Amino acid sequence: MVLRFGLILIIAVTVIPMLSRPVFAATLLTADKAARVVTLRDVTVKDGEVAGEIVNQSKQALREVQLQILYSWRWKDEWHPGTDDPGRAVYSMVDKEIAPGQSARFNFKPAPPLPARKDGFFDVSVKVVGYAQVYR
């Protein structure tokens, strides 16, 4: 009985909110075609915080732009790396509508903050991994 109630509760919490969201048809694009639609510029990284601009190169509005922020850990001594790699990948959605030909600023601060260590450094990269185009 408790197990069944728990299962019903899990379904209610996860499925019902999804039913109230608008449904968009997904179109898969190659990286070069996607880059013709949306690009990043003026990306800066300071103390793990990433900022920049998302540029809409298309003729339709964009929204729900999803970014992948990759914190790759580079060991000071690659021949003898440690066992505790603090690298991670984070996904962040920029929830702004961007008109055709326009841009929008984004800012991401990692939580928890990146650890301060002396045995290496973070190599940070950002790329667009998803977006929705609005056809009106």
C-alpha atoms as a PDB file:
ATOM      1  CA  MET A   1       0.000   0.000   0.000  1.00  0.00           C
ATOM      2  CA  VAL A   2       2.762   2.466   0.969  1.00  0.00           C
ATOM      3  CA  LEU A   3       4.800   1.443  -2.078  1.00  0.00           C
ATOM      4  CA  ARG A   4       1.825   1.980  -4.387  1.00  0.00           C
ATOM      5  CA  PHE A   5       1.126   5.407  -2.834  1.00  0.00           C
ATOM      6  CA  GLY A   6       4.799   6.348  -3.257  1.00  0.00           C
ATOM      7  CA  LEU A   7       4.729   5.311  -6.917  1.00  0.00           C
ATOM      8  CA  ILE A   8       1.548   7.321  -7.544  1.00  0.00           C
ATOM      9  CA  LEU A   9       3.115  10.328  -5.797  1.00  0.00           C
ATOM     10  CA  ILE A  10       6.260  10.083  -7.924  1.00  0.00           C
ATOM     11  CA  ILE A  11       4.205   9.907 -11.122  1.00  0.00           C
ATOM     12  CA  ALA A  12       2.067  12.858 -10.034  1.00  0.00           C
ATOM     13  CA  VAL A  13       5.102  14.994  -9.193  1.00  0.00           C
ATOM     14  CA  THR A  14       7.014  14.226 -12.403  1.00  0.00           C
ATOM     15  CA  VAL A  15       4.401  13.647 -15.118  1.00  0.00           C
ATOM     16  CA  ILE A  16       1.641  16.140 -14.330  1.00  0.00           C
ATOM     17  CA  PRO A  17       3.905  19.252 -14.516  1.00  0.00           C
ATOM     18  CA  MET A  18       5.179  17.998 -17.893  1.00  0.00           C
ATOM     19  CA  LEU A  19       1.615  17.858 -19.241  1.00  0.00           C
ATOM     20  CA  SER A  20       1.096  21.579 -18.621  1.00  0.00           C
ATOM     21  CA  ARG A  21       4.183  22.604 -20.650  1.00  0.00           C
ATOM     22  CA  PRO A  22       3.860  23.445 -24.332  1.00  0.00           C
ATOM     23  CA  VAL A  23       5.098  20.687 -26.627  1.00  0.00           C
ATOM     24  CA  PHE A  24       7.602  21.530 -29.351  1.00  0.00           C
ATOM     25  CA  ALA A  25       8.667  19.312 -32.212  1.00  0.00           C
ATOM     26  CA  ALA A  26      12.371  18.550 -31.992  1.00  0.00           C
ATOM     27  CA  THR A  27      14.611  18.823 -35.011  1.00  0.00           C
ATOM     28  CA  LEU A  28      18.114  17.439 -34.766  1.00  0.00           C
ATOM     29  CA  LEU A  29      20.796  19.520 -36.417  1.00  0.00           C
ATOM     30  CA  THR A  30      24.473  18.944 -37.059  1.00  0.00           C
ATOM     31  CA  ALA A  31      26.855  21.230 -35.189  1.00  0.00           C
ATOM     32  CA  ASP A  32      27.628  23.346 -38.258  1.00  0.00           C
ATOM     33  CA  LYS A  33      23.916  23.902 -39.032  1.00  0.00           C
ATOM     34  CA  ALA A  34      23.173  24.726 -35.407  1.00  0.00           C
ATOM     35  CA  ALA A  35      26.033  27.260 -35.422  1.00  0.00           C
ATOM     36  CA  ARG A  36      24.242  29.098 -38.248  1.00  0.00           C
ATOM     37  CA  VAL A  37      21.265  29.559 -35.907  1.00  0.00           C
ATOM     38  CA  VAL A  38      22.847  30.440 -32.565  1.00  0.00           C
ATOM     39  CA  THR A  39      26.395  31.395 -31.571  1.00  0.00           C
ATOM     40  CA  LEU A  40      28.255  32.599 -28.504  1.00  0.00           C
ATOM     41  CA  ARG A  41      30.466  35.678 -28.310  1.00  0.00           C
ATOM     42  CA  ASP A  42      32.480  37.609 -25.731  1.00  0.00           C
ATOM     43  CA  VAL A  43      32.611  34.607 -23.397  1.00  0.00           C
ATOM     44  CA  THR A  44      34.657  35.289 -20.263  1.00  0.00           C
ATOM     45  CA  VAL A  45      35.589  33.113 -17.318  1.00  0.00           C
ATOM     46  CA  LYS A  46      36.627  34.466 -13.919  1.00  0.00           C
ATOM     47  CA  ASP A  47      36.900  32.287 -10.816  1.00  0.00           C
ATOM     48  CA  GLY A  48      34.700  29.678 -12.483  1.00  0.00           C
ATOM     49  CA  GLU A  49      31.936  32.176 -13.271  1.00  0.00           C
ATOM     50  CA  VAL A  50      31.073  32.228 -16.981  1.00  0.00           C
ATOM     51  CA  ALA A  51      29.483  35.158 -18.814  1.00  0.00           C
ATOM     52  CA  GLY A  52      28.889  36.048 -22.432  1.00  0.00           C
ATOM     53  CA  GLU A  53      26.330  36.678 -25.140  1.00  0.00           C
ATOM     54  CA  ILE A  54      24.053  34.360 -27.073  1.00  0.00           C
ATOM     55  CA  VAL A  55      23.524  35.610 -30.635  1.00  0.00           C
ATOM     56  CA  ASN A  56      20.451  34.645 -32.657  1.00  0.00           C
ATOM     57  CA  GLN A  57      21.593  34.303 -36.285  1.00  0.00           C
ATOM     58  CA  SER A  58      18.222  33.033 -37.538  1.00  0.00           C
ATOM     59  CA  LYS A  59      15.035  34.642 -38.853  1.00  0.00           C
ATOM     60  CA  GLN A  60      12.951  33.231 -35.982  1.00  0.00           C
ATOM     61  CA  ALA A  61      12.953  34.050 -32.289  1.00  0.00           C
ATOM     62  CA  LEU A  62      14.873  31.691 -29.992  1.00  0.00           C
ATOM     63  CA  ARG A  63      14.186  30.652 -26.440  1.00  0.00           C
ATOM     64  CA  GLU A  64      15.234  27.999 -23.935  1.00  0.00           C
ATOM     65  CA  VAL A  65      18.854  28.091 -25.097  1.00  0.00           C
ATOM     66  CA  GLN A  66      20.709  25.327 -23.268  1.00  0.00           C
ATOM     67  CA  LEU A  67      24.402  25.716 -22.549  1.00  0.00           C
ATOM     68  CA  GLN A  68      26.935  23.071 -21.600  1.00  0.00           C
ATOM     69  CA  ILE A  69      29.663  24.453 -19.358  1.00  0.00           C
ATOM     70  CA  LEU A  70      32.530  22.019 -19.121  1.00  0.00           C
ATOM     71  CA  TYR A  71      34.982  22.411 -16.237  1.00  0.00           C
ATOM     72  CA  SER A  72      37.831  20.145 -17.374  1.00  0.00           C
ATOM     73  CA  TRP A  73      40.490  19.560 -14.731  1.00  0.00           C
ATOM     74  CA  ARG A  74      44.077  19.721 -15.964  1.00  0.00           C
ATOM     75  CA  TRP A  75      46.633  18.192 -13.636  1.00  0.00           C
ATOM     76  CA  LYS A  76      49.873  20.098 -13.076  1.00  0.00           C
ATOM     77  CA  ASP A  77      51.729  16.812 -13.469  1.00  0.00           C
ATOM     78  CA  GLU A  78      49.893  14.849 -16.165  1.00  0.00           C
ATOM     79  CA  TRP A  79      52.372  11.967 -15.797  1.00  0.00           C
ATOM     80  CA  HIS A  80      51.287  11.495 -12.165  1.00  0.00           C
ATOM     81  CA  PRO A  81      47.669  12.629 -11.939  1.00  0.00           C
ATOM     82  CA  GLY A  82      45.840  12.485  -8.658  1.00  0.00           C
ATOM     83  CA  THR A  83      42.781  10.393  -7.911  1.00  0.00           C
ATOM     84  CA  ASP A  84      40.392  13.230  -7.052  1.00  0.00           C
ATOM     85  CA  ASP A  85      39.398  14.882 -10.346  1.00  0.00           C
ATOM     86  CA  PRO A  86      37.119  17.870  -9.537  1.00  0.00           C
ATOM     87  CA  GLY A  87      36.072  18.383 -13.180  1.00  0.00           C
ATOM     88  CA  ARG A  88      32.389  18.462 -14.032  1.00  0.00           C
ATOM     89  CA  ALA A  89      29.896  19.288 -16.761  1.00  0.00           C
ATOM     90  CA  VAL A  90      27.011  21.616 -15.987  1.00  0.00           C
ATOM     91  CA  TYR A  91      23.958  22.375 -18.091  1.00  0.00           C
ATOM     92  CA  SER A  92      22.252  25.747 -17.808  1.00  0.00           C
ATOM     93  CA  MET A  93      19.170  27.060 -19.599  1.00  0.00           C
ATOM     94  CA  VAL A  94      18.933  30.719 -20.553  1.00  0.00           C
ATOM     95  CA  ASP A  95      15.229  31.410 -20.210  1.00  0.00           C
ATOM     96  CA  LYS A  96      14.970  34.533 -22.380  1.00  0.00           C
ATOM     97  CA  GLU A  97      13.387  35.019 -25.772  1.00  0.00           C
ATOM     98  CA  ILE A  98      15.925  36.350 -28.268  1.00  0.00           C
ATOM     99  CA  ALA A  99      14.549  38.150 -31.315  1.00  0.00           C
ATOM    100  CA  PRO A 100      16.031  37.469 -34.766  1.00  0.00           C
ATOM    101  CA  GLY A 101      19.416  39.154 -35.182  1.00  0.00           C
ATOM    102  CA  GLN A 102      19.554  40.103 -31.502  1.00  0.00           C
ATOM    103  CA  SER A 103      21.599  38.841 -28.571  1.00  0.00           C
ATOM    104  CA  ALA A 104      21.103  38.175 -24.880  1.00  0.00           C
ATOM    105  CA  ARG A 105      23.621  38.157 -22.034  1.00  0.00           C
ATOM    106  CA  PHE A 106      24.077  35.074 -19.878  1.00  0.00           C
ATOM    107  CA  ASN A 107      25.876  34.550 -16.604  1.00  0.00           C
ATOM    108  CA  PHE A 108      26.539  31.295 -14.775  1.00  0.00           C
ATOM    109  CA  LYS A 109      28.054  30.892 -11.328  1.00  0.00           C
ATOM    110  CA  PRO A 110      28.860  27.314 -10.307  1.00  0.00           C
ATOM    111  CA  ALA A 111      27.233  26.008  -7.155  1.00  0.00           C
ATOM    112  CA  PRO A 112      28.980  24.662  -5.229  1.00  0.00           C
ATOM    113  CA  PRO A 113      31.946  26.897  -6.132  1.00  0.00           C
ATOM    114  CA  LEU A 114      34.971  25.353  -7.795  1.00  0.00           C
ATOM    115  CA  PRO A 115      37.589  24.191  -5.287  1.00  0.00           C
ATOM    116  CA  ALA A 116      40.796  26.218  -4.967  1.00  0.00           C
ATOM    117  CA  ARG A 117      43.620  23.739  -5.528  1.00  0.00           C
ATOM    118  CA  LYS A 118      47.334  23.880  -6.302  1.00  0.00           C
ATOM    119  CA  ASP A 119      47.667  20.532  -8.105  1.00  0.00           C
ATOM    120  CA  GLY A 120      46.089  21.740 -11.343  1.00  0.00           C
ATOM    121  CA  PHE A 121      43.645  24.146 -12.945  1.00  0.00           C
ATOM    122  CA  PHE A 122      40.268  24.226 -14.674  1.00  0.00           C
ATOM    123  CA  ASP A 123      40.016  24.552 -18.447  1.00  0.00           C
ATOM    124  CA  VAL A 124      36.517  25.969 -19.000  1.00  0.00           C
ATOM    125  CA  SER A 125      34.577  25.679 -22.256  1.00  0.00           C
ATOM    126  CA  VAL A 126      31.012  26.661 -23.156  1.00  0.00           C
ATOM    127  CA  LYS A 127      28.847  25.528 -26.032  1.00  0.00           C
ATOM    128  CA  VAL A 128      25.197  25.606 -27.063  1.00  0.00           C
ATOM    129  CA  VAL A 129      23.629  22.153 -26.844  1.00  0.00           C
ATOM    130  CA  GLY A 130      19.973  22.995 -27.413  1.00  0.00           C
ATOM    131  CA  TYR A 131      17.419  25.693 -28.173  1.00  0.00           C
ATOM    132  CA  ALA A 132      13.856  26.200 -29.309  1.00  0.00           C
ATOM    133  CA  GLN A 133      12.950  28.268 -32.365  1.00  0.00           C
ATOM    134  CA  VAL A 134       9.661  30.160 -32.286  1.00  0.00           C
ATOM    135  CA  TYR A 135       7.814  30.240 -35.609  1.00  0.00           C
ATOM    136  CA  ARG A 136       5.154  32.927 -35.787  1.00  0.00           C
END
